[in-house]
Amino acid sequence: MPLNAGQREVSNSAARWRVVIAGRRWGKTHMACRELARFARLPDRRIWYIAPSYRMAKQIAWDHLKARLYPLNWIAKVNESDLSIRLVNGSQIALRGADNPDSLRGVFLDFCVFDEFPMIEEKAWTEVIRPALSDRQGSAMFIGTPMGRNWAFDLYNRGVDKTEHSWESFTYTTLSGGNVTEAEIESARTDMDERQFKQEYLASFETYEGVIYYNFSRANVTEAAQIPRTVIIGMDFNVSPMSAVCMMRTEHGLHIFDEIVMYSSNTDEMVAEINRRFGDRTIIVYPDSSGVQRRASSGGRTDITILQQAGYQVKYKPQHPAVRDRINAVNALLCNADGQRRLFVDPRCRKTIESLEKQTYKQDTLVPNKDDGYDHMNDALGYAVEMLFPIRRTNIEQREPERWGVRTL
């Protein structure tokens, strides 16, 4: 099966888990069928192709796969009702739908392709197929066109961040596939809005509508240097989870190098964890101002005094700054009007990255959505950033109002 340059790159990858994000008509189905055949060439292998539904599996790949395998004389038996093919070497290729993930349980697999995987429920991978690949040390390929920033976006970034060597991710535009002309793509550009075009033809993960930290991108994700002598911590006192963002000062801004998330916890336990990680360093905490309130569970102490008694420098405002001021300060540090990025995040800080990417406003409002749990880490970050890099308002000198009439001397 001939391959274009991008398909060859994917095929040559030695990663156990490969994620391919490609524009429409790039050649995803051809890539999928080729990989199914490549892994099935070995004897007694069990190979699955999984689409969002049984109907889609049959419509997308069934005829294409048979057309590729028959000329090779590999096929021993075809089961049309089961969408399975038995090969002469004893291997089996089967097409399955993920609309009922639990129906896929109970088998072992050597290789699996998830096609249009952004449309598939995450459970199908994490709870069903991943365990099925374990005993045979199997592998998988995920391929599809992006659909917002869902679990597929998270999976893709596991191969982008390069922190896990078993993952590798690839991105290809429609044009790079060679199946659609540039003129046709330009025609589509005029028929679609910018977000749709970028997603469908440029294979871009477009942000949620109403995303709060719109200036955050993967350009803000980079590895931090060694832990500094002075650790700056933004802290949110929510009980579950308590959240802390650990940062260092840079020449122009901040670099987040660690994060702490503790469920069903309290400030004393947070102090113990901070001391365990950074006990020999100077600690400066910028906490939630609500920490000045007394907590009966803390023996009459406040969250603020607990931090102070631990020997930390604690800096906070008597009252919360406006939510919009915290958000604006963080966005300005992520990327200012001149395109300068001054806030960076180490790729190991996954909760912080996820929170910046995914927290949105409630529909048709400017009220941050707190239902998804992304607010805690962002609040912790905002308390520190707003104190260190506040948005400065320009004060306009007020002149005496002019009055109509006769001016007297």
Protein backbone atom coordinates (compact mmCIF):
# COMPACT_ATOMS: atom_id res chain seq x y z
CA MET A 1 0.00 0.00 0.00
CA PRO A 2 1.75 3.24 -1.12
CA LEU A 3 2.08 5.97 1.50
CA ASN A 4 2.52 9.72 1.41
CA ALA A 5 5.35 11.37 3.35
CA GLY A 6 3.33 11.84 6.53
CA GLN A 7 2.00 8.29 6.48
CA ARG A 8 5.54 6.95 6.12
CA GLU A 9 6.63 9.04 9.08
CA VAL A 10 3.88 7.57 11.24
CA SER A 11 4.57 4.03 10.02
CA ASN A 12 8.28 4.35 10.80
CA SER A 13 7.65 5.44 14.38
CA ALA A 14 8.73 2.93 17.01
CA ALA A 15 6.42 4.37 19.69
CA ARG A 16 4.01 1.93 21.28
CA TRP A 17 1.21 4.49 21.30
CA ARG A 18 0.87 6.76 18.25
CA VAL A 19 -1.57 9.64 17.89
CA VAL A 20 -2.28 11.06 14.44
CA ILE A 21 -4.28 14.28 14.09
CA ALA A 22 -5.00 15.03 10.45
CA GLY A 23 -7.28 17.20 8.34
CA ARG A 24 -10.19 15.88 6.37
CA ARG A 25 -9.32 13.66 3.39
CA TRP A 26 -5.67 13.43 4.41
CA GLY A 27 -5.73 9.66 4.04
CA LYS A 28 -6.56 8.51 7.56
CA THR A 29 -8.51 5.42 6.50
CA HIS A 30 -5.76 4.33 4.12
CA MET A 31 -3.23 4.80 6.94
CA ALA A 32 -5.41 2.78 9.32
CA CYS A 33 -5.90 -0.14 6.90
CA ARG A 34 -2.22 -0.22 6.08
CA GLU A 35 -1.30 -0.47 9.78
CA LEU A 36 -3.91 -3.18 10.35
CA ALA A 37 -2.33 -5.24 7.57
CA ARG A 38 1.22 -4.52 8.76
CA PHE A 39 0.56 -5.87 12.25
CA ALA A 40 -1.54 -8.78 10.95
CA ARG A 41 1.29 -10.03 8.72
CA LEU A 42 2.67 -11.81 11.80
CA PRO A 43 0.95 -15.14 12.56
CA ASP A 44 -1.81 -15.65 15.13
CA ARG A 45 -2.37 -11.97 15.88
CA ARG A 46 -5.65 -10.41 16.94
CA ILE A 47 -6.10 -6.96 15.42
CA TRP A 48 -9.04 -4.58 15.88
CA TYR A 49 -10.22 -1.48 14.08
CA ILE A 50 -12.57 0.60 16.27
CA ALA A 51 -14.79 3.40 14.96
CA PRO A 52 -17.34 5.47 16.91
CA SER A 53 -20.10 3.05 15.84
CA TYR A 54 -20.49 -0.32 14.11
CA ARG A 55 -22.16 1.39 11.17
CA MET A 56 -19.28 3.86 10.79
CA ALA A 57 -16.73 1.04 10.98
CA LYS A 58 -18.44 -0.75 8.11
CA GLN A 59 -18.98 2.41 6.08
CA ILE A 60 -15.47 3.80 6.50
CA ALA A 61 -13.10 0.85 6.42
CA TRP A 62 -14.72 -2.49 5.54
CA ASP A 63 -14.67 -2.35 1.74
CA HIS A 64 -11.35 -0.49 1.73
CA LEU A 65 -9.71 -3.17 3.87
CA LYS A 66 -10.98 -6.08 1.77
CA ALA A 67 -9.90 -4.36 -1.44
CA ARG A 68 -6.37 -4.09 -0.06
CA LEU A 69 -6.10 -7.63 1.30
CA TYR A 70 -7.63 -9.68 -1.52
CA PRO A 71 -4.86 -8.84 -4.09
CA LEU A 72 -2.28 -10.00 -1.51
CA ASN A 73 -3.95 -13.43 -1.28
CA TRP A 74 -3.88 -13.11 2.51
CA ILE A 75 -7.58 -13.80 3.16
CA ALA A 76 -8.72 -17.25 4.28
CA LYS A 77 -12.27 -16.35 5.34
CA VAL A 78 -14.50 -13.27 5.48
CA ASN A 79 -17.40 -12.97 7.94
CA GLU A 80 -19.65 -10.22 6.62
CA SER A 81 -22.04 -10.21 9.58
CA ASP A 82 -19.23 -10.01 12.15
CA LEU A 83 -17.03 -7.68 10.06
CA SER A 84 -14.05 -9.95 10.62
CA ILE A 85 -11.38 -11.39 8.34
CA ARG A 86 -9.38 -14.54 9.05
CA LEU A 87 -5.99 -14.54 7.32
CA VAL A 88 -4.09 -17.57 6.03
CA ASN A 89 -1.46 -17.13 8.74
CA GLY A 90 -4.04 -17.48 11.50
CA SER A 91 -4.31 -13.76 12.34
CA GLN A 92 -7.69 -12.04 12.55
CA ILE A 93 -8.69 -8.48 11.75
CA ALA A 94 -12.07 -7.35 13.10
CA LEU A 95 -13.99 -4.09 12.85
CA ARG A 96 -15.85 -2.92 15.93
CA GLY A 97 -18.01 0.00 17.07
CA ALA A 98 -17.39 1.88 20.32
CA ASP A 99 -20.98 3.03 20.87
CA ASN A 100 -21.28 0.36 23.59
CA PRO A 101 -17.77 0.13 25.12
CA ASP A 102 -18.64 -2.67 27.54
CA SER A 103 -19.46 -4.97 24.61
CA LEU A 104 -15.76 -4.87 23.67
CA ARG A 105 -14.59 -6.51 26.89
CA GLY A 106 -13.22 -10.01 27.32
CA VAL A 107 -10.61 -10.34 24.57
CA PHE A 108 -6.86 -9.99 24.20
CA LEU A 109 -5.42 -7.79 21.46
CA ASP A 110 -2.06 -7.34 19.77
CA PHE A 111 -2.84 -4.08 17.98
CA CYS A 112 -5.74 -1.67 17.74
CA VAL A 113 -6.61 1.34 15.61
CA PHE A 114 -9.04 3.94 16.98
CA ASP A 115 -10.41 5.81 13.95
CA GLU A 116 -12.09 9.22 14.49
CA PHE A 117 -11.18 8.73 18.13
CA PRO A 118 -12.22 12.24 19.27
CA MET A 119 -15.80 11.02 18.75
CA ILE A 120 -15.28 7.93 20.95
CA GLU A 121 -15.95 7.82 24.69
CA GLU A 122 -12.71 7.83 26.69
CA LYS A 123 -13.91 4.81 28.66
CA ALA A 124 -13.52 2.63 25.57
CA TRP A 125 -9.77 3.19 25.74
CA THR A 126 -8.97 3.49 29.43
CA GLU A 127 -11.30 0.82 30.82
CA VAL A 128 -11.64 -1.64 27.95
CA ILE A 129 -8.98 -1.64 25.22
CA ARG A 130 -5.91 -0.60 27.23
CA PRO A 131 -6.22 -3.62 29.57
CA ALA A 132 -6.88 -5.90 26.57
CA LEU A 133 -3.45 -4.96 25.18
CA SER A 134 -1.54 -5.66 28.38
CA ASP A 135 -0.88 -9.41 28.41
CA ARG A 136 0.41 -9.41 24.82
CA GLN A 137 2.26 -6.09 25.20
CA GLY A 138 0.14 -4.79 22.35
CA SER A 139 0.14 -1.31 20.84
CA ALA A 140 -2.39 1.16 19.47
CA MET A 141 -2.79 3.98 16.99
CA PHE A 142 -5.29 6.80 17.46
CA ILE A 143 -6.25 8.69 14.34
CA GLY A 144 -8.79 11.40 13.64
CA THR A 145 -9.70 15.02 13.02
CA PRO A 146 -9.84 17.20 16.17
CA MET A 147 -13.16 18.08 17.76
CA GLY A 148 -12.51 20.78 20.34
CA ARG A 149 -10.35 20.03 23.35
CA ASN A 150 -11.62 16.79 24.82
CA TRP A 151 -9.77 13.65 25.98
CA ALA A 152 -8.32 13.30 22.46
CA PHE A 153 -6.52 16.61 22.99
CA ASP A 154 -5.03 15.31 26.24
CA LEU A 155 -3.96 12.07 24.55
CA TYR A 156 -2.35 13.97 21.69
CA ASN A 157 -0.35 16.12 24.09
CA ARG A 158 1.15 13.07 25.78
CA GLY A 159 3.13 12.55 22.60
CA VAL A 160 3.85 16.24 22.09
CA ASP A 161 5.33 16.92 25.53
CA LYS A 162 7.95 14.15 25.08
CA THR A 163 7.76 13.25 28.77
CA GLU A 164 6.60 9.72 27.97
CA HIS A 165 8.82 7.94 25.46
CA SER A 166 6.19 5.33 24.61
CA TRP A 167 3.97 8.05 23.09
CA GLU A 168 4.46 9.98 19.86
CA SER A 169 2.07 12.41 18.20
CA PHE A 170 1.79 13.71 14.64
CA THR A 171 -0.18 16.52 12.97
CA TYR A 172 -0.92 16.87 9.25
CA THR A 173 -3.05 19.29 7.27
CA THR A 174 -5.44 18.24 4.54
CA LEU A 175 -3.14 19.69 1.89
CA SER A 176 -0.17 17.59 3.00
CA GLY A 177 -2.10 14.42 2.24
CA GLY A 178 -2.07 15.16 -1.48
CA ASN A 179 -5.70 14.13 -2.00
CA VAL A 180 -7.28 17.60 -2.08
CA THR A 181 -6.11 20.47 -4.27
CA GLU A 182 -5.03 23.80 -2.88
CA ALA A 183 -7.78 25.50 -4.90
CA GLU A 184 -10.43 23.31 -3.28
CA ILE A 185 -9.07 24.06 0.18
CA GLU A 186 -9.16 27.79 -0.51
CA SER A 187 -12.73 27.40 -1.72
CA ALA A 188 -13.62 25.66 1.54
CA ARG A 189 -12.03 28.52 3.47
CA THR A 190 -14.58 30.94 2.02
CA ASP A 191 -17.48 28.63 2.92
CA MET A 192 -16.55 28.01 6.57
CA ASP A 193 -15.90 30.14 9.60
CA GLU A 194 -12.30 30.43 10.78
CA ARG A 195 -12.66 28.00 13.67
CA GLN A 196 -14.29 25.30 11.54
CA PHE A 197 -11.71 25.68 8.79
CA LYS A 198 -8.77 25.43 11.15
CA GLN A 199 -10.21 22.34 12.80
CA GLU A 200 -11.29 20.43 9.69
CA TYR A 201 -8.55 21.35 7.22
CA LEU A 202 -5.59 22.49 9.33
CA ALA A 203 -6.06 19.80 12.03
CA SER A 204 -5.99 22.44 14.75
CA PHE A 205 -7.40 21.84 18.22
CA GLU A 206 -9.58 24.91 18.53
CA THR A 207 -10.36 26.23 21.98
CA TYR A 208 -13.73 25.98 23.66
CA GLU A 209 -16.09 28.85 23.09
CA GLY A 210 -15.75 31.20 26.06
CA VAL A 211 -12.36 29.88 27.20
CA ILE A 212 -11.01 32.12 29.99
CA TYR A 213 -7.24 31.90 29.52
CA TYR A 214 -7.30 32.42 25.77
CA ASN A 215 -3.65 33.52 25.65
CA PHE A 216 -2.38 30.15 26.87
CA SER A 217 -0.90 27.84 24.25
CA ARG A 218 1.65 25.07 24.08
CA ALA A 219 4.22 27.81 23.46
CA ASN A 220 3.90 28.46 27.21
CA VAL A 221 4.88 24.87 28.05
CA THR A 222 8.60 24.33 28.50
CA GLU A 223 10.82 22.51 30.96
CA ALA A 224 11.98 24.47 33.97
CA ALA A 225 15.53 24.71 35.22
CA GLN A 226 16.52 23.34 38.64
CA ILE A 227 14.47 24.27 41.70
CA PRO A 228 15.39 27.83 42.80
CA ARG A 229 16.51 28.91 46.25
CA THR A 230 13.34 31.01 46.58
CA VAL A 231 10.06 29.25 45.81
CA ILE A 232 6.98 31.33 45.04
CA ILE A 233 3.68 29.59 45.78
CA GLY A 234 0.17 30.61 44.82
CA MET A 235 -2.34 28.81 47.05
CA ASP A 236 -6.07 28.12 47.06
CA PHE A 237 -7.55 26.97 50.38
CA ASN A 238 -10.38 24.87 48.98
CA VAL A 239 -10.62 21.71 51.13
CA SER A 240 -10.90 19.25 48.25
CA PRO A 241 -8.66 19.83 46.55
CA MET A 242 -6.24 22.19 48.19
CA SER A 243 -4.12 23.52 45.34
CA ALA A 244 -0.72 25.13 45.10
CA VAL A 245 1.25 26.37 42.11
CA CYS A 246 5.02 26.41 42.69
CA MET A 247 6.99 28.97 40.69
CA MET A 248 10.31 30.71 40.27
CA ARG A 249 11.02 34.27 39.18
CA THR A 250 12.59 34.69 35.75
CA GLU A 251 14.09 37.76 34.13
CA HIS A 252 10.71 38.95 32.86
CA GLY A 253 8.09 36.83 34.58
CA LEU A 254 7.42 33.44 36.19
CA HIS A 255 8.05 29.77 35.47
CA ILE A 256 5.81 27.14 37.08
CA PHE A 257 7.96 24.11 37.88
CA ASP A 258 5.74 22.10 40.25
CA GLU A 259 2.17 21.75 41.49
CA ILE A 260 0.51 20.30 44.58
CA VAL A 261 -3.06 18.95 44.57
CA MET A 262 -4.35 17.43 47.83
CA TYR A 263 -7.88 16.06 48.23
CA SER A 264 -9.76 16.01 51.56
CA SER A 265 -6.86 17.88 53.10
CA ASN A 266 -6.08 20.96 55.21
CA THR A 267 -3.47 23.68 55.51
CA ASP A 268 -1.32 21.77 58.01
CA GLU A 269 -0.99 18.88 55.56
CA MET A 270 -0.20 21.32 52.75
CA VAL A 271 2.58 22.83 54.89
CA ALA A 272 3.98 19.36 55.54
CA GLU A 273 4.05 18.58 51.82
CA ILE A 274 5.70 21.91 50.96
CA ASN A 275 8.37 21.28 53.60
CA ARG A 276 8.95 17.79 52.25
CA ARG A 277 9.59 19.15 48.76
CA PHE A 278 11.27 22.48 49.50
CA GLY A 279 12.18 22.41 53.19
CA ASP A 280 15.64 24.01 52.80
CA ARG A 281 14.45 26.88 50.62
CA THR A 282 12.90 30.29 51.17
CA ILE A 283 9.12 30.02 50.71
CA ILE A 284 6.94 32.99 49.72
CA VAL A 285 3.21 32.23 49.63
CA TYR A 286 0.53 34.30 47.91
CA PRO A 287 -2.64 32.74 49.28
CA ASP A 288 -6.38 33.09 49.00
CA SER A 289 -7.36 36.11 51.11
CA SER A 290 -10.17 34.11 52.67
CA GLY A 291 -7.45 32.42 54.72
CA VAL A 292 -7.70 35.23 57.29
CA GLN A 293 -10.96 33.67 58.46
CA ARG A 294 -10.74 31.37 61.46
CA ARG A 295 -11.22 27.64 61.01
CA ALA A 296 -12.53 25.64 63.97
CA SER A 297 -10.83 22.56 62.53
CA SER A 298 -7.50 24.34 62.93
CA GLY A 299 -7.87 24.89 66.66
CA GLY A 300 -8.82 28.54 66.29
CA ARG A 301 -5.89 29.30 64.01
CA THR A 302 -6.39 30.76 60.57
CA ASP A 303 -4.98 29.40 57.35
CA ILE A 304 -2.79 32.50 57.13
CA THR A 305 -1.33 32.06 60.62
CA ILE A 306 -0.60 28.40 59.93
CA LEU A 307 1.52 29.46 56.95
CA GLN A 308 3.22 32.20 58.95
CA GLN A 309 4.02 29.87 61.86
CA ALA A 310 5.63 27.51 59.35
CA GLY A 311 8.19 30.25 58.68
CA TYR A 312 6.87 31.27 55.27
CA GLN A 313 6.63 34.81 54.00
CA VAL A 314 2.91 35.31 53.40
CA LYS A 315 1.70 38.11 51.16
CA TYR A 316 -1.96 38.82 50.47
CA LYS A 317 -4.45 41.62 50.09
CA PRO A 318 -7.03 42.33 52.81
CA GLN A 319 -9.75 41.64 50.26
CA HIS A 320 -9.91 39.54 47.15
CA PRO A 321 -8.95 41.43 44.01
CA ALA A 322 -11.71 41.42 41.40
CA VAL A 323 -11.89 38.12 39.54
CA ARG A 324 -11.50 39.93 36.23
CA ASP A 325 -8.28 41.56 37.50
CA ARG A 326 -6.75 38.16 38.31
CA ILE A 327 -7.79 36.76 34.94
CA ASN A 328 -6.47 39.77 33.04
CA ALA A 329 -3.16 39.66 34.91
CA VAL A 330 -2.64 35.98 34.08
CA ASN A 331 -3.62 36.45 30.43
CA ALA A 332 -1.23 39.39 30.10
CA LEU A 333 1.61 37.31 31.52
CA LEU A 334 0.78 34.36 29.24
CA CYS A 335 1.06 36.60 26.17
CA ASN A 336 0.95 40.38 26.04
CA ALA A 337 -0.12 42.63 23.18
CA ASP A 338 3.43 42.58 21.78
CA GLY A 339 3.39 38.78 21.59
CA GLN A 340 5.77 38.39 24.54
CA ARG A 341 5.23 35.33 26.76
CA ARG A 342 6.38 35.75 30.35
CA LEU A 343 4.60 32.88 32.11
CA PHE A 344 5.75 29.32 31.40
CA VAL A 345 4.71 25.91 32.74
CA ASP A 346 6.79 22.76 33.05
CA PRO A 347 5.12 19.89 31.12
CA ARG A 348 5.03 17.82 34.33
CA CYS A 349 2.43 20.23 35.77
CA ARG A 350 -0.44 18.55 33.99
CA LYS A 351 -3.24 19.81 36.20
CA THR A 352 -2.13 23.41 35.75
CA ILE A 353 -1.90 23.00 31.98
CA GLU A 354 -5.29 21.30 31.80
CA SER A 355 -6.89 24.01 33.94
CA LEU A 356 -5.50 26.86 31.83
CA GLU A 357 -6.63 25.17 28.63
CA LYS A 358 -10.10 24.14 29.68
CA GLN A 359 -11.70 26.53 32.15
CA THR A 360 -14.51 28.47 30.50
CA TYR A 361 -17.08 31.09 31.36
CA LYS A 362 -20.65 30.03 32.00
CA GLN A 363 -22.65 30.31 28.82
CA ASP A 364 -23.45 33.89 27.79
CA THR A 365 -21.79 35.34 30.92
CA LEU A 366 -18.44 36.47 32.21
CA VAL A 367 -18.79 34.27 35.29
CA PRO A 368 -16.07 31.55 35.49
CA ASN A 369 -17.44 28.02 35.40
CA LYS A 370 -16.48 26.19 38.60
CA ASP A 371 -18.37 22.96 37.92
CA ASP A 372 -15.49 21.16 36.17
CA GLY A 373 -12.89 21.69 38.91
CA TYR A 374 -10.48 23.69 36.74
CA ASP A 375 -10.89 26.82 38.87
CA HIS A 376 -8.82 25.76 41.91
CA MET A 377 -5.41 25.69 40.22
CA ASN A 378 -6.20 28.81 38.21
CA ASP A 379 -7.29 30.66 41.35
CA ALA A 380 -4.06 29.66 43.11
CA LEU A 381 -2.05 30.96 40.16
CA GLY A 382 -4.10 34.14 39.91
CA TYR A 383 -3.53 35.16 43.54
CA ALA A 384 0.24 35.22 42.99
CA VAL A 385 0.25 36.72 39.51
CA GLU A 386 -2.14 39.55 40.40
CA MET A 387 0.07 40.53 43.34
CA LEU A 388 3.35 40.32 41.44
CA PHE A 389 2.23 41.58 38.01
CA PRO A 390 -0.98 43.56 38.46
CA ILE A 391 -2.70 45.25 35.56
CA ARG A 392 -2.01 48.93 36.12
CA ARG A 393 -4.82 51.27 35.29
CA THR A 394 -4.04 54.66 33.79
CA ASN A 395 -5.49 57.44 35.88
CA ILE A 396 -6.94 60.25 33.79
CA GLU A 397 -6.67 63.66 35.35
CA GLN A 398 -10.12 65.04 36.14
CA ARG A 399 -10.63 68.64 35.12
CA GLU A 400 -13.21 71.00 36.53
CA PRO A 401 -16.37 70.84 34.41
CA GLU A 402 -16.90 73.71 32.01
CA ARG A 403 -20.08 75.74 32.49
CA TRP A 404 -22.03 77.68 29.91
CA GLY A 405 -22.37 81.38 30.64
CA VAL A 406 -20.34 84.47 31.15
CA ARG A 407 -16.90 83.95 32.62
CA THR A 408 -16.14 86.38 35.44
CA LEU A 409 -12.71 87.59 36.40
